[in-house]
Protein backbone atom coordinates (compact mmCIF):
# COMPACT_ATOMS: atom_id res chain seq x y z
CA MET A 1 81.03 -38.03 51.79
CA LEU A 2 82.27 -39.72 54.95
CA LEU A 3 85.76 -39.79 53.50
CA ASN A 4 86.17 -36.06 53.14
CA SER A 5 88.57 -34.20 55.44
CA ARG A 6 85.78 -31.93 56.65
CA LEU A 7 82.29 -33.34 57.08
CA LEU A 8 79.03 -31.63 57.89
CA ILE A 9 76.95 -34.32 59.56
CA SER A 10 74.24 -31.80 60.47
CA ALA A 11 73.97 -28.05 60.78
CA GLU A 12 75.60 -28.32 64.18
CA THR A 13 78.20 -31.11 63.76
CA VAL A 14 81.57 -30.85 62.04
CA ILE A 15 84.07 -33.68 61.69
CA THR A 16 87.66 -32.89 60.70
CA CYS A 17 90.45 -35.40 60.06
CA ASP A 18 93.51 -34.93 62.26
CA GLY A 19 95.91 -32.33 60.90
CA ASN A 20 93.33 -30.37 58.92
CA VAL A 21 91.63 -27.03 59.72
CA GLN A 22 88.22 -27.19 61.36
CA HIS A 23 85.76 -24.47 60.38
CA LEU A 24 82.76 -23.49 62.56
CA SER A 25 80.43 -20.73 61.42
CA CYS A 26 77.07 -19.15 62.18
CA ASP A 27 75.16 -17.20 59.52
CA THR A 28 73.20 -15.62 62.37
CA GLY A 29 74.02 -15.59 66.03
CA VAL A 30 77.22 -16.87 67.64
CA ILE A 31 78.86 -20.24 68.20
CA SER A 32 78.12 -22.24 71.31
CA VAL A 33 80.08 -25.51 71.43
CA ARG A 34 78.21 -28.35 73.09
CA SER A 35 80.93 -31.03 72.80
CA ALA A 36 84.29 -31.51 71.11
CA THR A 37 86.21 -34.76 71.01
CA CYS A 38 89.28 -36.27 69.37
CA GLY A 39 89.55 -39.99 68.62
CA ARG A 40 87.77 -42.63 66.58
CA THR A 41 84.34 -44.19 67.05
CA SER A 42 83.82 -45.37 63.46
CA SER A 43 86.08 -47.28 61.09
CA LEU A 44 84.65 -45.46 58.05
CA ILE A 45 85.16 -41.76 58.92
CA CYS A 46 88.53 -40.31 57.79
CA SER A 47 89.70 -43.73 56.62
CA VAL A 48 90.63 -43.12 52.99
CA GLY A 49 94.27 -44.04 52.40
CA GLN A 50 94.75 -45.29 55.95
CA PRO A 51 95.73 -48.93 56.66
CA PRO A 52 93.19 -51.07 58.59
CA SER A 53 95.46 -51.10 61.64
CA GLU A 54 94.96 -47.32 62.00
CA THR A 55 91.15 -47.39 61.71
CA SER A 56 90.13 -50.60 63.56
CA ASN A 57 90.15 -49.16 67.11
CA THR A 58 86.71 -47.52 67.41
CA LYS A 59 86.65 -47.09 71.18
CA CYS A 60 88.98 -44.14 71.37
CA SER A 61 87.92 -40.64 72.45
CA VAL A 62 89.11 -37.68 74.53
CA ASP A 63 87.43 -34.34 75.22
CA VAL A 64 88.99 -31.22 73.63
CA PRO A 65 88.09 -28.19 75.78
CA ALA A 66 90.20 -25.90 73.60
CA VAL A 67 87.50 -25.82 70.93
CA SER A 68 84.88 -24.20 73.17
CA LYS A 69 87.49 -21.92 74.73
CA ARG A 70 88.57 -20.57 71.34
CA CYS A 71 85.23 -20.55 69.46
CA ASN A 72 82.40 -19.80 71.88
CA GLY A 73 80.84 -16.39 71.23
CA LEU A 74 82.35 -16.01 67.75
CA ARG A 75 80.48 -15.93 64.46
CA GLN A 76 83.27 -17.80 62.66
CA CYS A 77 86.10 -19.89 64.05
CA GLU A 78 88.97 -21.71 62.37
CA LEU A 79 91.15 -24.18 64.26
CA ASN A 80 94.27 -26.04 63.21
CA THR A 81 93.56 -29.46 64.67
CA GLN A 82 97.20 -30.52 64.75
CA GLY A 83 98.13 -30.79 68.42
CA LEU A 84 94.75 -29.40 69.53
CA ALA A 85 93.81 -32.35 71.75
CA PRO A 86 95.24 -32.36 75.30
CA ARG A 87 96.69 -35.89 74.80
CA ASP A 88 96.73 -38.82 72.35
CA PRO A 89 93.92 -41.14 73.44
CA CYS A 90 95.06 -44.08 71.24
CA TYR A 91 98.57 -44.27 69.81
CA GLY A 92 98.80 -45.80 66.35
CA THR A 93 95.16 -44.94 65.48
CA TYR A 94 94.37 -42.23 62.91
CA LYS A 95 91.96 -39.88 64.65
CA TYR A 96 89.49 -37.16 63.82
CA TYR A 97 87.85 -34.26 65.64
CA THR A 98 84.07 -34.16 66.16
CA THR A 99 82.55 -30.86 67.26
CA ASN A 100 78.85 -30.36 68.05
CA TYR A 101 77.75 -26.76 68.23
CA ILE A 102 74.73 -24.53 67.91
CA CYS A 103 74.20 -20.93 66.86
CA ILE A 104 72.57 -18.88 69.57
CA PRO A 105 71.10 -15.41 69.09
CA ALA A 106 73.36 -12.92 70.82
CA GLU A 107 74.62 -9.36 70.66
CA THR A 108 78.32 -8.86 70.04
CA SER A 109 80.71 -6.09 71.02
CA VAL A 110 84.31 -5.74 69.80
CA THR A 111 86.52 -3.00 71.22
CA CYS A 112 90.11 -2.45 70.15
CA HIS A 113 92.92 -1.95 72.69
CA TYR A 114 92.46 1.20 74.76
CA GLY A 115 88.87 1.52 73.60
CA TYR A 116 85.82 1.84 75.82
CA SER A 117 83.21 -0.97 75.70
CA TYR A 118 79.65 -0.18 76.75
CA LEU A 119 77.02 -2.93 76.70
CA LYS A 120 73.41 -1.87 76.31
CA CYS A 121 69.99 -3.47 76.14
CA GLU A 122 67.07 -1.21 75.20
CA ASN A 123 64.76 -3.41 77.28
CA GLY A 124 65.39 -6.16 79.78
CA ARG A 125 68.73 -7.12 81.27
CA ILE A 126 72.16 -8.16 80.02
CA GLN A 127 73.41 -11.71 80.37
CA ILE A 128 77.04 -12.24 79.38
CA ASN A 129 77.71 -15.25 77.18
CA THR A 130 81.47 -15.03 76.49
CA ALA A 131 84.25 -12.51 76.89
CA ASN A 132 87.89 -12.45 75.83
CA TYR A 133 90.66 -9.84 75.89
CA GLY A 134 93.31 -10.98 73.45
CA ARG A 135 93.34 -12.01 69.78
CA THR A 136 91.78 -14.96 67.94
CA ASP A 137 92.17 -13.84 64.32
CA LYS A 138 94.49 -11.68 62.20
CA THR A 139 91.89 -9.26 60.79
CA THR A 140 89.99 -7.77 63.78
CA CYS A 141 91.49 -4.47 64.95
CA SER A 142 94.40 -4.88 62.54
CA GLU A 143 94.27 -1.66 60.53
CA GLY A 144 97.56 0.16 60.67
CA ARG A 145 99.17 -2.42 62.93
CA PRO A 146 102.51 -4.05 62.04
CA SER A 147 102.32 -7.69 61.01
CA GLU A 148 104.09 -9.01 64.12
CA GLN A 149 101.37 -7.57 66.36
CA VAL A 150 98.58 -9.62 64.75
CA GLN A 151 100.25 -13.01 64.22
CA ASN A 152 99.37 -14.58 67.59
CA THR A 153 95.76 -15.78 67.23
CA ASN A 154 95.84 -17.98 70.30
CA CYS A 155 95.74 -15.16 72.85
CA TYR A 156 93.20 -15.46 75.68
CA SER A 157 92.84 -13.50 78.90
CA PRO A 158 92.12 -15.84 81.84
CA ASN A 159 90.00 -13.31 83.75
CA ALA A 160 88.03 -11.50 81.04
CA LEU A 161 84.64 -13.16 81.70
CA SER A 162 84.80 -12.46 85.44
CA LEU A 163 85.60 -8.76 84.99
CA VAL A 164 83.03 -8.14 82.26
CA SER A 165 80.35 -9.88 84.30
CA LYS A 166 80.81 -7.33 87.07
CA SER A 167 80.28 -4.23 84.94
CA CYS A 168 78.56 -3.13 81.74
CA GLU A 169 81.20 -0.43 81.08
CA VAL A 170 84.71 -1.80 80.50
CA PHE A 171 88.00 -0.19 79.41
CA ALA A 172 89.82 -2.57 77.04
CA ASN A 173 93.42 -2.48 78.23
CA HIS A 174 95.97 -4.53 80.11
CA MET A 175 95.50 -2.48 83.28
CA VAL A 176 91.97 -3.90 83.60
CA PHE A 177 92.73 -7.37 82.25
CA THR A 178 95.92 -9.34 82.67
CA ASP A 179 98.06 -9.18 79.52
CA PRO A 180 97.81 -12.64 77.98
CA CYS A 181 100.28 -12.02 75.11
CA VAL A 182 102.80 -9.22 75.39
CA GLY A 183 103.62 -7.65 72.02
CA THR A 184 100.30 -8.65 70.42
CA TYR A 185 97.73 -5.94 69.65
CA LYS A 186 94.61 -7.07 71.52
CA TYR A 187 90.89 -6.39 71.53
CA LEU A 188 87.97 -7.11 73.82
CA ALA A 189 85.32 -9.35 72.27
CA ILE A 190 82.05 -9.89 74.14
CA SER A 191 78.87 -11.75 73.25
CA TYR A 192 75.77 -11.27 75.38
CA PHE A 193 72.02 -11.69 75.50
CA CYS A 194 69.34 -9.09 76.06
CA LEU A 195 66.73 -10.86 78.12
CA PRO A 196 63.35 -9.10 78.11
CA PRO A 197 61.49 -8.98 81.42
CA ALA A 198 58.96 -11.77 81.84
CA VAL A 199 55.33 -10.65 82.22
CA ARG A 200 53.73 -11.98 85.36
CA SER A 201 50.18 -12.02 86.56
CA SER A 202 48.35 -12.17 89.86
CA LEU A 203 44.63 -12.89 90.25
CA VAL A 204 42.83 -13.07 93.59
CA CYS A 205 39.19 -13.03 94.51
CA ASN A 206 37.53 -10.36 96.68
CA ASN A 207 38.88 -10.16 100.26
CA GLU A 208 41.97 -12.21 99.40
CA MET A 209 45.58 -10.94 99.53
CA SER A 210 47.44 -10.46 96.24
CA VAL A 211 51.18 -11.16 96.54
CA LEU A 212 53.58 -9.88 93.86
CA THR A 213 57.21 -10.93 93.82
CA CYS A 214 60.17 -10.66 91.49
CA GLY A 215 61.84 -13.99 92.07
CA LEU A 216 60.97 -17.66 91.69
CA SER A 217 59.80 -19.59 94.71
CA SER A 218 57.95 -22.85 95.31
CA THR A 219 55.48 -20.89 97.45
CA ASP A 220 54.50 -18.32 94.84
CA LYS A 221 51.02 -19.77 94.32
CA THR A 222 49.47 -16.69 92.75
CA ILE A 223 52.35 -15.96 90.37
CA HIS A 224 52.42 -17.33 86.85
CA THR A 225 55.31 -16.41 84.58
CA LEU A 226 54.46 -15.92 80.92
CA GLU A 227 57.91 -16.17 79.36
CA SER A 228 58.55 -13.78 76.54
CA ALA A 229 59.21 -15.09 73.06
CA MET A 230 62.90 -14.18 73.27
CA GLU A 231 63.38 -16.03 76.55
CA VAL A 232 61.72 -19.12 75.14
CA MET A 233 63.89 -18.92 72.01
CA LEU A 234 67.07 -18.57 74.03
CA LEU A 235 66.19 -21.41 76.33
CA ASN A 236 65.25 -23.74 73.52
CA PHE A 237 68.70 -23.43 72.00
CA LYS A 238 70.01 -25.68 74.79
CA LEU A 239 71.17 -29.05 73.49
CA LEU A 240 68.57 -31.64 74.45
CA ILE A 241 70.78 -34.65 75.03
CA SER A 242 72.84 -33.05 77.78
CA ALA A 243 73.01 -32.59 81.55
CA GLU A 244 69.52 -31.13 81.38
CA THR A 245 67.78 -34.18 79.90
CA VAL A 246 66.30 -36.92 82.04
CA VAL A 247 64.80 -40.14 80.68
CA THR A 248 62.66 -42.32 82.98
CA CYS A 249 61.12 -45.66 82.04
CA ASP A 250 57.37 -46.05 82.54
CA GLY A 251 56.23 -47.81 85.66
CA PRO A 252 57.08 -47.56 89.38
CA PHE A 253 59.99 -45.21 88.81
CA VAL A 254 60.66 -41.67 89.98
CA GLN A 255 61.87 -38.90 87.67
CA ARG A 256 64.25 -36.47 89.39
CA LEU A 257 65.09 -32.98 88.19
CA ILE A 258 67.81 -31.08 90.07
CA CYS A 259 69.45 -27.66 89.81
CA ASP A 260 72.64 -27.14 91.79
CA THR A 261 72.22 -23.42 91.23
CA GLY A 262 69.11 -21.56 90.07
CA VAL A 263 65.71 -23.13 89.56
CA ILE A 264 64.14 -25.60 87.13
CA SER A 265 62.60 -24.39 83.86
CA VAL A 266 61.11 -27.31 81.87
CA GLN A 267 61.50 -26.84 78.13
CA SER A 268 59.70 -30.02 77.03
CA ALA A 269 58.33 -33.18 78.58
CA THR A 270 57.08 -36.10 76.49
CA PHE A 271 55.84 -39.65 76.98
CA GLY A 272 56.17 -42.36 74.37
CA ARG A 273 58.96 -43.98 72.37
CA THR A 274 61.24 -42.54 69.69
CA SER A 275 64.06 -45.08 69.97
CA SER A 276 64.11 -48.85 70.06
CA LEU A 277 67.13 -48.85 72.37
CA ILE A 278 66.03 -46.70 75.33
CA CYS A 279 64.24 -48.57 78.15
CA SER A 280 64.37 -51.77 76.11
CA ALA A 281 66.07 -54.22 78.51
CA GLY A 282 63.99 -57.37 78.94
CA ARG A 283 61.27 -56.14 76.58
CA PRO A 284 60.03 -58.21 73.62
CA PRO A 285 60.53 -56.66 70.14
CA SER A 286 56.78 -56.06 69.80
CA GLU A 287 56.89 -53.57 72.69
CA ILE A 288 59.81 -51.46 71.40
CA SER A 289 59.43 -51.48 67.60
CA ASN A 290 57.04 -48.52 67.42
CA THR A 291 59.36 -45.49 67.54
CA GLN A 292 56.89 -42.88 66.32
CA CYS A 293 54.91 -42.54 69.51
CA SER A 294 54.93 -39.38 71.62
CA ILE A 295 52.67 -36.97 73.49
CA ASP A 296 53.36 -33.91 75.62
CA VAL A 297 53.18 -34.17 79.44
CA PRO A 298 52.33 -30.68 80.78
CA ALA A 299 52.17 -31.97 84.37
CA VAL A 300 55.97 -31.98 84.57
CA SER A 301 56.41 -28.23 84.03
CA LYS A 302 53.38 -27.50 86.20
CA ARG A 303 54.86 -29.41 89.13
CA CYS A 304 58.57 -28.61 88.72
CA ASN A 305 59.00 -25.10 87.31
CA GLY A 306 60.54 -22.73 89.85
CA LEU A 307 61.84 -25.48 92.15
CA ARG A 308 65.44 -26.41 92.82
CA GLN A 309 64.63 -30.09 93.11
CA CYS A 310 61.63 -32.05 91.86
CA GLU A 311 60.66 -35.69 92.12
CA ILE A 312 57.71 -37.09 90.17
CA ASP A 313 56.20 -40.57 90.19
CA ALA A 314 56.25 -41.53 86.53
CA GLN A 315 53.37 -44.01 86.76
CA GLY A 316 50.16 -42.46 85.47
CA LEU A 317 51.77 -39.05 84.84
CA ALA A 318 50.89 -38.84 81.13
CA PRO A 319 47.42 -37.55 80.21
CA ARG A 320 46.75 -40.61 77.99
CA ASP A 321 48.42 -43.66 76.42
CA PRO A 322 49.75 -42.61 72.99
CA CYS A 323 50.47 -46.16 71.76
CA VAL A 324 48.82 -49.11 73.48
CA GLY A 325 51.06 -52.18 73.58
CA THR A 326 54.31 -50.20 73.35
CA TYR A 327 56.56 -49.89 76.38
CA LYS A 328 57.14 -46.16 76.85
CA TYR A 329 59.39 -43.73 78.70
CA TYR A 330 59.33 -40.13 79.85
CA THR A 331 61.81 -37.61 78.37
CA THR A 332 62.15 -34.27 80.11
CA ASN A 333 64.38 -31.45 78.87
CA TYR A 334 65.04 -28.67 81.35
CA ILE A 335 67.48 -25.94 82.20
CA CYS A 336 68.44 -24.16 85.40
CA ILE A 337 67.74 -20.43 85.33
CA PRO A 338 68.90 -17.83 87.87
CA ALA A 339 66.33 -17.14 90.62
CA GLU A 340 67.15 -13.44 90.67
CA TYR A 341 65.18 -10.62 92.26
CA GLY A 342 64.28 -7.53 90.29
CA LYS A 343 62.06 -4.49 90.83
CA ILE A 344 58.30 -4.68 90.30
CA GLN A 345 56.86 -2.53 87.52
CA ILE A 346 53.07 -2.53 87.29
CA ASN A 347 51.60 -2.68 83.78
CA THR A 348 47.86 -2.95 84.39
CA ALA A 349 45.50 -3.50 87.30
CA ASN A 350 41.74 -3.88 87.63
CA TYR A 351 39.47 -4.47 90.56
CA GLY A 352 36.09 -5.56 89.21
CA ARG A 353 34.81 -8.25 86.85
CA THR A 354 35.30 -8.84 83.09
CA ASP A 355 33.93 -12.40 82.74
CA LYS A 356 31.41 -14.73 84.40
CA THR A 357 33.73 -17.61 85.30
CA THR A 358 36.63 -16.13 87.30
CA CYS A 359 36.03 -16.31 91.06
CA SER A 360 32.54 -17.64 90.47
CA GLU A 361 32.47 -20.81 92.55
CA GLY A 362 29.61 -20.74 95.05
CA ARG A 363 28.44 -17.28 94.01
CA PRO A 364 24.81 -16.61 92.99
CA SER A 365 24.24 -15.82 89.32
CA SER A 366 23.19 -12.24 90.12
CA GLU A 367 26.70 -11.44 91.40
CA LEU A 368 28.38 -12.56 88.13
CA GLN A 369 26.29 -10.97 85.39
CA ASN A 370 28.05 -7.60 85.19
CA THR A 371 31.22 -8.22 83.10
CA ASN A 372 31.86 -4.57 82.35
CA CYS A 373 33.07 -3.69 85.83
CA TYR A 374 36.27 -1.66 86.04
CA SER A 375 37.71 0.26 88.96
CA PRO A 376 38.77 3.71 87.78
CA ASN A 377 41.66 3.96 90.26
CA ALA A 378 42.96 0.40 90.60
CA LEU A 379 46.33 1.15 89.02
CA SER A 380 47.15 3.96 91.46
CA PRO A 381 46.99 2.07 94.80
CA VAL A 382 48.72 -1.00 93.34
CA SER A 383 51.54 1.14 91.92
CA LYS A 384 51.99 3.03 95.22
CA ARG A 385 52.13 -0.20 97.18
CA CYS A 386 54.33 -2.24 94.83
CA GLU A 387 56.26 -0.18 92.26
CA GLY A 388 60.03 -0.52 92.61
CA LYS A 389 59.92 -3.20 95.33
CA ASN A 390 61.11 -6.81 95.28
CA SER A 391 57.78 -8.02 96.68
CA CYS A 392 54.54 -6.60 97.98
CA SER A 393 51.00 -7.52 98.98
CA ILE A 394 47.68 -5.77 98.57
CA LEU A 395 44.18 -6.71 99.69
CA ALA A 396 41.49 -7.07 97.08
CA SER A 397 38.64 -5.20 98.79
CA ASN A 398 36.37 -2.19 98.59
CA SER A 399 38.32 -0.60 101.45
CA VAL A 400 41.41 -0.37 99.23
CA PHE A 401 39.71 0.26 95.88
CA SER A 402 36.51 2.16 95.23
CA ASP A 403 33.54 -0.14 94.51
CA PRO A 404 32.97 0.11 90.73
CA CYS A 405 29.82 -2.10 90.69
CA GLY A 406 27.80 -2.67 93.87
CA GLY A 407 26.29 -6.14 94.15
CA THR A 408 28.90 -7.74 91.84
CA PHE A 409 31.48 -10.16 93.27
CA LYS A 410 34.80 -8.72 92.21
CA TYR A 411 38.41 -9.85 91.82
CA LEU A 412 41.78 -8.13 91.49
CA TYR A 413 43.83 -8.83 88.37
CA ILE A 414 47.35 -7.41 88.00
CA LEU A 415 49.93 -7.65 85.22
CA TYR A 416 53.49 -6.68 86.03
CA THR A 417 57.12 -7.18 85.00
CA CYS A 418 60.33 -7.58 86.94
CA GLU A 419 62.80 -4.93 85.83
CA TYR A 420 66.53 -5.56 86.30
CA LYS A 421 69.21 -2.92 86.35
CA CYS A 422 72.20 -3.53 84.14
CA LYS A 423 73.64 -6.69 85.63
CA CYS A 424 76.26 -8.26 83.42
């Protein structure tokens, strides 16, 4: 299998011997290339019929940015590898191309030349993934066109992404975009996400101030984001071994998470050992042989989510020791998400009491018994104070809301979303 000209190492890795055509495809979603290299790191791959002198150098590799440029956002992509690499990383060595990619769920829009492209999300907001005005295949927007107008499949507009990101309504022509290939019949291809608004909650006890905000801040102590299923799915498609993965050995070490732009969103954080190589220097074999040892560490997301920078002392961070006698390490996968501000939309609000535990500390039992306490007008004052704003505050008290149950210690509970206008 390793000798074939096109190899599928996993669902997301394709290896193609130099000079052959590389095929990337997604049954669902669109292509997102994580890495693409040309060279040789194994003497076995693409070695059939090659002399030993052309396969012995296994320390030869160069990045190939053209793969992501041509394939990102497409459902299928075919590349002639001959001459695809920017340079020859090792003369005299027979090379191969290795492309790692994932399929991400995305909407797609294709508009032929002089057509009008309108991007729409029924709910939530648009986030552009890729955009190109040009031509990358011979079939799209080809009906009735002469052959010479569809031959150039290496046609890319240098400014398409920037222009599409500024507007959700785009006219596909060379007056909007620079003409990347005169004489070729072009089309505008866009892939984008529809991100549903995250549901947020605020809970404060009687006589405390409830603060609602549409934006992430390290000081938002009453705000808890409950990410929607789609957001979680999109975020989890990030490649784990990447710029967003930090591994920290156990002991007196500090784990650092940083976002140059946006804020931290931890996708997973574990403590244990899944490799005998990581954090193994100076350790006896008995301490690194168990590679099936792992537990979740929720403290990382609790401490770091919403911050631009986060430093955590790794010692004692895990809730328990998952494998006594094994030297362990912390692995945190995170991404940086935009800290954007939207408009508050109130879903529900209640000033009263629906359980015996919330806001119960130090209160006599008689003030907690009534768990069927609902203010009939709570939604109205909260909506008037907060609806359509970036942030707002409202006092949880009888002076703002009518008292639905005298003698009961009440609290204010609000559910809301942050609505974003079309922002591509």
